Amino acid sequence: AAAQAPDSAVRGLERLDFREVIRSATEKVFPA
């Protein structure tokens, strides 16, 4: 995805940590 994206988007994708995405979603729902 980073290779196909424009330069501005690449910088965001390089910082993407899928573990953080999952952890953030889990923390929102798991307590309920």
ModelCIF file with pLDDT and N, C-alpha, C, O atoms, coordinates in Angstrom:
data_MODEL
#
_entry.id   MODEL 
#
_entity.id                         1 
_entity.type                       polymer 
_entity.pdbx_number_of_molecules   1 
#
_entity_poly.entity_id                      1 
_entity_poly.type                           'polypeptide(L)' 
_entity_poly.nstd_linkage                   no 
_entity_poly.nstd_monomer                   no 
_entity_poly.pdbx_seq_one_letter_code       AAAQAPDSAVRGLERLDFREVIRSATEKVFPA 
_entity_poly.pdbx_seq_one_letter_code_can   AAAQAPDSAVRGLERLDFREVIRSATEKVFPA 
_entity_poly.pdbx_strand_id                 A 
#
loop_
_entity_poly_seq.entity_id 
_entity_poly_seq.num 
_entity_poly_seq.mon_id 
_entity_poly_seq.hetero 
1 1  ALA n 
1 2  ALA n 
1 3  ALA n 
1 4  GLN n 
1 5  ALA n 
1 6  PRO n 
1 7  ASP n 
1 8  SER n 
1 9  ALA n 
1 10 VAL n 
1 11 ARG n 
1 12 GLY n 
1 13 LEU n 
1 14 GLU n 
1 15 ARG n 
1 16 LEU n 
1 17 ASP n 
1 18 PHE n 
1 19 ARG n 
1 20 GLU n 
1 21 VAL n 
1 22 ILE n 
1 23 ARG n 
1 24 SER n 
1 25 ALA n 
1 26 THR n 
1 27 GLU n 
1 28 LYS n 
1 29 VAL n 
1 30 PHE n 
1 31 PRO n 
1 32 ALA n 
#
_struct_asym.id          A 
_struct_asym.entity_id   1 
#
loop_
_ma_qa_metric.id 
_ma_qa_metric.mode 
_ma_qa_metric.name 
_ma_qa_metric.software_group_id 
_ma_qa_metric.type 
1 global pLDDT . pLDDT 
2 local  pLDDT . pLDDT 
#
_ma_qa_metric_global.metric_id      1 
_ma_qa_metric_global.metric_value   66.69 
_ma_qa_metric_global.model_id       1 
_ma_qa_metric_global.ordinal_id     1 
#
loop_
_ma_qa_metric_local.label_asym_id 
_ma_qa_metric_local.label_comp_id 
_ma_qa_metric_local.label_seq_id 
_ma_qa_metric_local.metric_id 
_ma_qa_metric_local.metric_value 
_ma_qa_metric_local.model_id 
_ma_qa_metric_local.ordinal_id 
A ALA 1  2 40.00 1 1  
A ALA 2  2 42.00 1 2  
A ALA 3  2 43.00 1 3  
A GLN 4  2 40.00 1 4  
A ALA 5  2 41.00 1 5  
A PRO 6  2 45.00 1 6  
A ASP 7  2 46.00 1 7  
A SER 8  2 40.00 1 8  
A ALA 9  2 39.00 1 9  
A VAL 10 2 39.00 1 10 
A ARG 11 2 43.00 1 11 
A GLY 12 2 45.00 1 12 
A LEU 13 2 42.00 1 13 
A GLU 14 2 50.00 1 14 
A ARG 15 2 56.00 1 15 
A LEU 16 2 56.00 1 16 
A ASP 17 2 78.00 1 17 
A PHE 18 2 79.00 1 18 
A ARG 19 2 84.00 1 19 
A GLU 20 2 87.00 1 20 
A VAL 21 2 85.00 1 21 
A ILE 22 2 87.00 1 22 
A ARG 23 2 89.00 1 23 
A SER 24 2 90.00 1 24 
A ALA 25 2 91.00 1 25 
A THR 26 2 90.00 1 26 
A GLU 27 2 93.00 1 27 
A LYS 28 2 94.00 1 28 
A VAL 29 2 95.00 1 29 
A PHE 30 2 94.00 1 30 
A PRO 31 2 95.00 1 31 
A ALA 32 2 96.00 1 32 
#
loop_
_atom_site.group_PDB 
_atom_site.id 
_atom_site.type_symbol 
_atom_site.label_atom_id 
_atom_site.label_alt_id 
_atom_site.label_comp_id 
_atom_site.label_asym_id 
_atom_site.label_entity_id 
_atom_site.label_seq_id 
_atom_site.pdbx_PDB_ins_code 
_atom_site.Cartn_x 
_atom_site.Cartn_y 
_atom_site.Cartn_z 
_atom_site.occupancy 
_atom_site.B_iso_or_equiv 
_atom_site.pdbx_formal_charge 
_atom_site.auth_seq_id 
_atom_site.auth_comp_id 
_atom_site.auth_asym_id 
_atom_site.auth_atom_id 
_atom_site.pdbx_PDB_model_num 
ATOM 1   N N  . ALA A 1 1  ? 0.830   -1.198 0.000  1.00 40.00 ? 1  ALA A N  1 
ATOM 2   C CA . ALA A 1 1  ? 0.000   0.000  0.000  1.00 40.00 ? 1  ALA A CA 1 
ATOM 3   C C  . ALA A 1 1  ? 0.870   1.255  0.000  1.00 40.00 ? 1  ALA A C  1 
ATOM 4   O O  . ALA A 1 1  ? 0.557   2.234  -0.676 1.00 40.00 ? 1  ALA A O  1 
ATOM 5   N N  . ALA A 1 2  ? 1.949   1.219  0.753  1.00 42.00 ? 2  ALA A N  1 
ATOM 6   C CA . ALA A 1 2  ? 2.846   2.369  0.811  1.00 42.00 ? 2  ALA A CA 1 
ATOM 7   C C  . ALA A 1 2  ? 3.493   2.620  -0.543 1.00 42.00 ? 2  ALA A C  1 
ATOM 8   O O  . ALA A 1 2  ? 3.691   3.768  -0.942 1.00 42.00 ? 2  ALA A O  1 
ATOM 9   N N  . ALA A 1 3  ? 3.826   1.527  -1.258 1.00 43.00 ? 3  ALA A N  1 
ATOM 10  C CA . ALA A 1 3  ? 4.465   1.674  -2.564 1.00 43.00 ? 3  ALA A CA 1 
ATOM 11  C C  . ALA A 1 3  ? 3.521   2.284  -3.591 1.00 43.00 ? 3  ALA A C  1 
ATOM 12  O O  . ALA A 1 3  ? 3.968   2.974  -4.508 1.00 43.00 ? 3  ALA A O  1 
ATOM 13  N N  . GLN A 1 4  ? 2.212   2.036  -3.448 1.00 40.00 ? 4  GLN A N  1 
ATOM 14  C CA . GLN A 1 4  ? 1.234   2.529  -4.401 1.00 40.00 ? 4  GLN A CA 1 
ATOM 15  C C  . GLN A 1 4  ? 0.689   3.911  -4.034 1.00 40.00 ? 4  GLN A C  1 
ATOM 16  O O  . GLN A 1 4  ? 0.079   4.577  -4.871 1.00 40.00 ? 4  GLN A O  1 
ATOM 17  N N  . ALA A 1 5  ? 0.903   4.345  -2.796 1.00 41.00 ? 5  ALA A N  1 
ATOM 18  C CA . ALA A 1 5  ? 0.287   5.578  -2.326 1.00 41.00 ? 5  ALA A CA 1 
ATOM 19  C C  . ALA A 1 5  ? 1.146   6.791  -2.654 1.00 41.00 ? 5  ALA A C  1 
ATOM 20  O O  . ALA A 1 5  ? 2.355   6.658  -2.839 1.00 41.00 ? 5  ALA A O  1 
ATOM 21  N N  . PRO A 1 6  ? 0.533   7.981  -2.729 1.00 45.00 ? 6  PRO A N  1 
ATOM 22  C CA . PRO A 1 6  ? 1.313   9.215  -2.905 1.00 45.00 ? 6  PRO A CA 1 
ATOM 23  C C  . PRO A 1 6  ? 2.181   9.479  -1.681 1.00 45.00 ? 6  PRO A C  1 
ATOM 24  O O  . PRO A 1 6  ? 1.979   8.888  -0.619 1.00 45.00 ? 6  PRO A O  1 
ATOM 25  N N  . ASP A 1 7  ? 3.162   10.387 -1.849 1.00 46.00 ? 7  ASP A N  1 
ATOM 26  C CA . ASP A 1 7  ? 4.149   10.633 -0.786 1.00 46.00 ? 7  ASP A CA 1 
ATOM 27  C C  . ASP A 1 7  ? 3.499   11.021 0.534  1.00 46.00 ? 7  ASP A C  1 
ATOM 28  O O  . ASP A 1 7  ? 3.930   10.556 1.589  1.00 46.00 ? 7  ASP A O  1 
ATOM 29  N N  . SER A 1 8  ? 2.464   11.868 0.497  1.00 40.00 ? 8  SER A N  1 
ATOM 30  C CA . SER A 1 8  ? 1.835   12.305 1.742  1.00 40.00 ? 8  SER A CA 1 
ATOM 31  C C  . SER A 1 8  ? 1.203   11.141 2.479  1.00 40.00 ? 8  SER A C  1 
ATOM 32  O O  . SER A 1 8  ? 1.231   11.095 3.709  1.00 40.00 ? 8  SER A O  1 
ATOM 33  N N  . ALA A 1 9  ? 0.623   10.184 1.726  1.00 39.00 ? 9  ALA A N  1 
ATOM 34  C CA . ALA A 1 9  ? -0.005  9.026  2.372  1.00 39.00 ? 9  ALA A CA 1 
ATOM 35  C C  . ALA A 1 9  ? 1.041   8.044  2.865  1.00 39.00 ? 9  ALA A C  1 
ATOM 36  O O  . ALA A 1 9  ? 0.829   7.371  3.874  1.00 39.00 ? 9  ALA A O  1 
ATOM 37  N N  . VAL A 1 10 ? 2.176   7.951  2.164  1.00 39.00 ? 10 VAL A N  1 
ATOM 38  C CA . VAL A 1 10 ? 3.220   6.998  2.554  1.00 39.00 ? 10 VAL A CA 1 
ATOM 39  C C  . VAL A 1 10 ? 3.698   7.268  3.964  1.00 39.00 ? 10 VAL A C  1 
ATOM 40  O O  . VAL A 1 10 ? 3.926   6.341  4.741  1.00 39.00 ? 10 VAL A O  1 
ATOM 41  N N  . ARG A 1 11 ? 3.852   8.564  4.297  1.00 43.00 ? 11 ARG A N  1 
ATOM 42  C CA . ARG A 1 11 ? 4.350   8.885  5.630  1.00 43.00 ? 11 ARG A CA 1 
ATOM 43  C C  . ARG A 1 11 ? 3.403   8.351  6.701  1.00 43.00 ? 11 ARG A C  1 
ATOM 44  O O  . ARG A 1 11 ? 3.855   7.885  7.747  1.00 43.00 ? 11 ARG A O  1 
ATOM 45  N N  . GLY A 1 12 ? 2.063   8.414  6.446  1.00 45.00 ? 12 GLY A N  1 
ATOM 46  C CA . GLY A 1 12 ? 1.106   7.880  7.408  1.00 45.00 ? 12 GLY A CA 1 
ATOM 47  C C  . GLY A 1 12 ? 1.159   6.371  7.482  1.00 45.00 ? 12 GLY A C  1 
ATOM 48  O O  . GLY A 1 12 ? 1.069   5.796  8.566  1.00 45.00 ? 12 GLY A O  1 
ATOM 49  N N  . LEU A 1 13 ? 1.306   5.712  6.317  1.00 42.00 ? 13 LEU A N  1 
ATOM 50  C CA . LEU A 1 13 ? 1.336   4.254  6.297  1.00 42.00 ? 13 LEU A CA 1 
ATOM 51  C C  . LEU A 1 13 ? 2.579   3.713  6.978  1.00 42.00 ? 13 LEU A C  1 
ATOM 52  O O  . LEU A 1 13 ? 2.540   2.663  7.619  1.00 42.00 ? 13 LEU A O  1 
ATOM 53  N N  . GLU A 1 14 ? 3.693   4.442  6.833  1.00 50.00 ? 14 GLU A N  1 
ATOM 54  C CA . GLU A 1 14 ? 4.921   3.982  7.475  1.00 50.00 ? 14 GLU A CA 1 
ATOM 55  C C  . GLU A 1 14 ? 4.782   3.976  8.985  1.00 50.00 ? 14 GLU A C  1 
ATOM 56  O O  . GLU A 1 14 ? 5.428   3.179  9.666  1.00 50.00 ? 14 GLU A O  1 
ATOM 57  N N  . ARG A 1 15 ? 3.939   4.863  9.520  1.00 56.00 ? 15 ARG A N  1 
ATOM 58  C CA . ARG A 1 15 ? 3.742   4.917  10.964 1.00 56.00 ? 15 ARG A CA 1 
ATOM 59  C C  . ARG A 1 15 ? 2.680   3.945  11.445 1.00 56.00 ? 15 ARG A C  1 
ATOM 60  O O  . ARG A 1 15 ? 2.509   3.754  12.649 1.00 56.00 ? 15 ARG A O  1 
ATOM 61  N N  . LEU A 1 16 ? 1.950   3.317  10.489 1.00 56.00 ? 16 LEU A N  1 
ATOM 62  C CA . LEU A 1 16 ? 0.866   2.434  10.859 1.00 56.00 ? 16 LEU A CA 1 
ATOM 63  C C  . LEU A 1 16 ? 1.388   1.175  11.542 1.00 56.00 ? 16 LEU A C  1 
ATOM 64  O O  . LEU A 1 16 ? 2.235   0.469  10.992 1.00 56.00 ? 16 LEU A O  1 
ATOM 65  N N  . ASP A 1 17 ? 0.890   0.900  12.721 1.00 78.00 ? 17 ASP A N  1 
ATOM 66  C CA . ASP A 1 17 ? 1.190   -0.337 13.444 1.00 78.00 ? 17 ASP A CA 1 
ATOM 67  C C  . ASP A 1 17 ? -0.136  -1.048 13.647 1.00 78.00 ? 17 ASP A C  1 
ATOM 68  O O  . ASP A 1 17 ? -0.971  -0.609 14.438 1.00 78.00 ? 17 ASP A O  1 
ATOM 69  N N  . PHE A 1 18 ? -0.328  -2.145 12.932 1.00 79.00 ? 18 PHE A N  1 
ATOM 70  C CA . PHE A 1 18 ? -1.616  -2.826 12.986 1.00 79.00 ? 18 PHE A CA 1 
ATOM 71  C C  . PHE A 1 18 ? -1.930  -3.304 14.398 1.00 79.00 ? 18 PHE A C  1 
ATOM 72  O O  . PHE A 1 18 ? -3.097  -3.379 14.783 1.00 79.00 ? 18 PHE A O  1 
ATOM 73  N N  . ARG A 1 19 ? -0.914  -3.622 15.157 1.00 84.00 ? 19 ARG A N  1 
ATOM 74  C CA . ARG A 1 19 ? -1.150  -4.038 16.542 1.00 84.00 ? 19 ARG A CA 1 
ATOM 75  C C  . ARG A 1 19 ? -1.796  -2.928 17.348 1.00 84.00 ? 19 ARG A C  1 
ATOM 76  O O  . ARG A 1 19 ? -2.631  -3.193 18.213 1.00 84.00 ? 19 ARG A O  1 
ATOM 77  N N  . GLU A 1 20 ? -1.419  -1.692 17.074 1.00 87.00 ? 20 GLU A N  1 
ATOM 78  C CA . GLU A 1 20 ? -2.023  -0.566 17.772 1.00 87.00 ? 20 GLU A CA 1 
ATOM 79  C C  . GLU A 1 20 ? -3.480  -0.378 17.366 1.00 87.00 ? 20 GLU A C  1 
ATOM 80  O O  . GLU A 1 20 ? -4.320  -0.034 18.197 1.00 87.00 ? 20 GLU A O  1 
ATOM 81  N N  . VAL A 1 21 ? -3.780  -0.605 16.088 1.00 85.00 ? 21 VAL A N  1 
ATOM 82  C CA . VAL A 1 21 ? -5.168  -0.504 15.618 1.00 85.00 ? 21 VAL A CA 1 
ATOM 83  C C  . VAL A 1 21 ? -6.036  -1.513 16.355 1.00 85.00 ? 21 VAL A C  1 
ATOM 84  O O  . VAL A 1 21 ? -7.112  -1.177 16.848 1.00 85.00 ? 21 VAL A O  1 
ATOM 85  N N  . ILE A 1 22 ? -5.557  -2.758 16.426 1.00 87.00 ? 22 ILE A N  1 
ATOM 86  C CA . ILE A 1 22 ? -6.314  -3.818 17.103 1.00 87.00 ? 22 ILE A CA 1 
ATOM 87  C C  . ILE A 1 22 ? -6.424  -3.527 18.597 1.00 87.00 ? 22 ILE A C  1 
ATOM 88  O O  . ILE A 1 22 ? -7.487  -3.705 19.193 1.00 87.00 ? 22 ILE A O  1 
ATOM 89  N N  . ARG A 1 23 ? -5.325  -3.081 19.199 1.00 89.00 ? 23 ARG A N  1 
ATOM 90  C CA . ARG A 1 23 ? -5.330  -2.807 20.632 1.00 89.00 ? 23 ARG A CA 1 
ATOM 91  C C  . ARG A 1 23 ? -6.308  -1.680 20.961 1.00 89.00 ? 23 ARG A C  1 
ATOM 92  O O  . ARG A 1 23 ? -7.028  -1.751 21.956 1.00 89.00 ? 23 ARG A O  1 
ATOM 93  N N  . SER A 1 24 ? -6.333  -0.635 20.120 1.00 90.00 ? 24 SER A N  1 
ATOM 94  C CA . SER A 1 24 ? -7.236  0.490  20.358 1.00 90.00 ? 24 SER A CA 1 
ATOM 95  C C  . SER A 1 24 ? -8.696  0.053  20.259 1.00 90.00 ? 24 SER A C  1 
ATOM 96  O O  . SER A 1 24 ? -9.518  0.439  21.090 1.00 90.00 ? 24 SER A O  1 
ATOM 97  N N  . ALA A 1 25 ? -9.019  -0.751 19.245 1.00 91.00 ? 25 ALA A N  1 
ATOM 98  C CA . ALA A 1 25 ? -10.390 -1.232 19.078 1.00 91.00 ? 25 ALA A CA 1 
ATOM 99  C C  . ALA A 1 25 ? -10.787 -2.140 20.236 1.00 91.00 ? 25 ALA A C  1 
ATOM 100 O O  . ALA A 1 25 ? -11.913 -2.069 20.729 1.00 91.00 ? 25 ALA A O  1 
ATOM 101 N N  . THR A 1 26 ? -9.866  -2.990 20.666 1.00 90.00 ? 26 THR A N  1 
ATOM 102 C CA . THR A 1 26 ? -10.145 -3.909 21.772 1.00 90.00 ? 26 THR A CA 1 
ATOM 103 C C  . THR A 1 26 ? -10.414 -3.141 23.063 1.00 90.00 ? 26 THR A C  1 
ATOM 104 O O  . THR A 1 26 ? -11.337 -3.473 23.807 1.00 90.00 ? 26 THR A O  1 
ATOM 105 N N  . GLU A 1 27 ? -9.608  -2.116 23.326 1.00 93.00 ? 27 GLU A N  1 
ATOM 106 C CA . GLU A 1 27 ? -9.773  -1.351 24.563 1.00 93.00 ? 27 GLU A CA 1 
ATOM 107 C C  . GLU A 1 27 ? -11.108 -0.619 24.605 1.00 93.00 ? 27 GLU A C  1 
ATOM 108 O O  . GLU A 1 27 ? -11.616 -0.342 25.691 1.00 93.00 ? 27 GLU A O  1 
ATOM 109 N N  . LYS A 1 28 ? -11.691 -0.298 23.446 1.00 94.00 ? 28 LYS A N  1 
ATOM 110 C CA . LYS A 1 28 ? -12.976 0.394  23.414 1.00 94.00 ? 28 LYS A CA 1 
ATOM 111 C C  . LYS A 1 28 ? -14.133 -0.536 23.772 1.00 94.00 ? 28 LYS A C  1 
ATOM 112 O O  . LYS A 1 28 ? -15.101 -0.108 24.401 1.00 94.00 ? 28 LYS A O  1 
ATOM 113 N N  . VAL A 1 29 ? -14.037 -1.812 23.371 1.00 95.00 ? 29 VAL A N  1 
ATOM 114 C CA . VAL A 1 29 ? -15.177 -2.719 23.508 1.00 95.00 ? 29 VAL A CA 1 
ATOM 115 C C  . VAL A 1 29 ? -14.995 -3.734 24.622 1.00 95.00 ? 29 VAL A C  1 
ATOM 116 O O  . VAL A 1 29 ? -15.969 -4.105 25.279 1.00 95.00 ? 29 VAL A O  1 
ATOM 117 N N  . PHE A 1 30 ? -13.762 -4.195 24.852 1.00 94.00 ? 30 PHE A N  1 
ATOM 118 C CA . PHE A 1 30 ? -13.514 -5.294 25.791 1.00 94.00 ? 30 PHE A CA 1 
ATOM 119 C C  . PHE A 1 30 ? -14.119 -5.053 27.177 1.00 94.00 ? 30 PHE A C  1 
ATOM 120 O O  . PHE A 1 30 ? -14.667 -5.987 27.762 1.00 94.00 ? 30 PHE A O  1 
ATOM 121 N N  . PRO A 1 31 ? -14.039 -3.831 27.724 1.00 95.00 ? 31 PRO A N  1 
ATOM 122 C CA . PRO A 1 31 ? -14.633 -3.613 29.055 1.00 95.00 ? 31 PRO A CA 1 
ATOM 123 C C  . PRO A 1 31 ? -16.152 -3.838 29.093 1.00 95.00 ? 31 PRO A C  1 
ATOM 124 O O  . PRO A 1 31 ? -16.712 -4.082 30.161 1.00 95.00 ? 31 PRO A O  1 
ATOM 125 N N  . ALA A 1 32 ? -16.821 -3.756 27.929 1.00 96.00 ? 32 ALA A N  1 
ATOM 126 C CA . ALA A 1 32 ? -18.271 -3.927 27.887 1.00 96.00 ? 32 ALA A CA 1 
ATOM 127 C C  . ALA A 1 32 ? -18.686 -5.378 27.632 1.00 96.00 ? 32 ALA A C  1 
ATOM 128 O O  . ALA A 1 32 ? -19.879 -5.676 27.570 1.00 96.00 ? 32 ALA A O  1 
#
